[in-house]
Amino acid sequence: MRLQSLRADGRIQLRGAQVDDLVSLQSAELTGSGASVVCVGMRAEALDLRFARPPTGGVNLRDAHASRLQDNPRTWPSTLGLDGLTYD
């Protein structure tokens, strides 16, 4: 699921999703209030969170799992839910 270079004013919700491949938000620009990304309980082979800039809303990865995780601390949002996040 490649959402690269996506521009969204709202929420991306993948709660409980099972993805056998990559979930990529590389270079995505996420605006709007509230949570920008909700991936609570999601399972994915790989997760790429290298946003173009920090999302204006939070990112919630509670209880999610990815075999591989890519991120960039310079683009972390001000609210980041990581409780229970696991990755290999």
Protein backbone atom coordinates (compact mmCIF):
# COMPACT_ATOMS: atom_id res chain seq x y z
CA MET A 1 0.00 0.00 0.00
CA ARG A 2 1.95 2.96 -1.27
CA LEU A 3 0.64 6.33 -0.21
CA GLN A 4 3.88 8.08 -1.16
CA SER A 5 3.72 11.82 -1.78
CA LEU A 6 0.08 11.79 -0.65
CA ARG A 7 -1.46 15.11 0.39
CA ALA A 8 -4.37 14.68 2.79
CA ASP A 9 -6.41 17.01 4.97
CA GLY A 10 -7.99 14.52 7.31
CA ARG A 11 -7.29 11.09 8.75
CA ILE A 12 -5.72 7.93 7.36
CA GLN A 13 -7.19 5.04 9.32
CA LEU A 14 -5.70 1.55 9.08
CA ARG A 15 -6.98 0.26 12.44
CA GLY A 16 -6.57 -3.53 12.58
CA ALA A 17 -5.39 -3.74 8.94
CA GLN A 18 -3.38 -6.80 7.84
CA VAL A 19 -0.94 -5.85 5.06
CA ASP A 20 1.34 -8.53 3.61
CA ASP A 21 3.67 -5.97 2.08
CA LEU A 22 4.76 -2.35 2.55
CA VAL A 23 2.69 0.50 3.99
CA SER A 24 4.51 3.61 2.80
CA LEU A 25 3.78 7.19 3.78
CA GLN A 26 7.13 8.39 2.44
CA SER A 27 6.98 12.10 1.52
CA ALA A 28 3.30 12.31 2.55
CA GLU A 29 1.97 15.70 3.68
CA LEU A 30 -0.77 15.30 6.29
CA THR A 31 -2.75 18.26 7.60
CA GLY A 32 -5.93 18.64 9.59
CA SER A 33 -6.80 18.44 13.25
CA GLY A 34 -6.98 15.39 15.47
CA ALA A 35 -5.14 12.22 14.53
CA SER A 36 -3.53 12.23 11.08
CA VAL A 37 -2.69 8.49 11.07
CA VAL A 38 -4.39 5.76 13.10
CA CYS A 39 -2.80 2.31 12.78
CA VAL A 40 -3.89 0.77 16.10
CA GLY A 41 -3.41 -3.01 15.93
CA MET A 42 -2.20 -2.95 12.32
CA ARG A 43 0.12 -5.71 11.08
CA ALA A 44 2.42 -5.04 8.10
CA GLU A 45 5.56 -6.51 6.58
CA ALA A 46 7.11 -3.04 6.41
CA LEU A 47 6.10 0.45 7.52
CA ASP A 48 7.68 3.61 6.09
CA LEU A 49 6.90 6.77 8.08
CA ARG A 50 9.33 9.21 6.45
CA PHE A 51 6.83 12.05 6.02
CA ALA A 52 7.64 15.15 3.97
CA ARG A 53 7.17 17.20 7.18
CA PRO A 54 5.67 16.44 10.58
CA PRO A 55 1.92 15.75 10.34
CA THR A 56 -0.18 18.46 11.99
CA GLY A 57 -2.19 15.79 13.81
CA GLY A 58 -0.92 12.86 15.83
CA VAL A 59 0.20 9.44 14.69
CA ASN A 60 -1.15 6.48 16.67
CA LEU A 61 0.71 3.16 16.29
CA ARG A 62 -0.53 1.49 19.51
CA ASP A 63 -0.27 -2.30 19.43
CA ALA A 64 0.89 -2.27 15.78
CA HIS A 65 3.60 -4.60 14.43
CA ALA A 66 5.88 -4.35 11.40
CA SER A 67 8.73 -6.64 10.43
CA ARG A 68 10.64 -3.56 9.21
CA LEU A 69 10.18 0.06 10.20
CA GLN A 70 11.62 3.17 8.54
CA ASP A 71 11.20 6.62 10.00
CA ASN A 72 12.87 9.99 10.27
CA PRO A 73 12.91 11.66 13.70
CA ARG A 74 12.90 15.09 11.98
CA THR A 75 9.37 14.40 10.73
CA TRP A 76 7.85 12.94 13.90
CA PRO A 77 4.57 14.62 14.85
CA SER A 78 4.16 16.36 18.21
CA THR A 79 1.83 13.53 19.33
CA LEU A 80 3.12 10.02 18.72
CA GLY A 81 1.40 6.98 20.27
CA LEU A 82 3.83 4.06 20.47
CA ASP A 83 2.48 1.96 23.37
CA GLY A 84 2.73 -1.70 22.36
CA LEU A 85 4.36 -1.01 18.97
CA THR A 86 6.72 -3.83 18.01
CA TYR A 87 9.00 -4.36 15.04
CA ASP A 88 11.69 -6.84 14.06
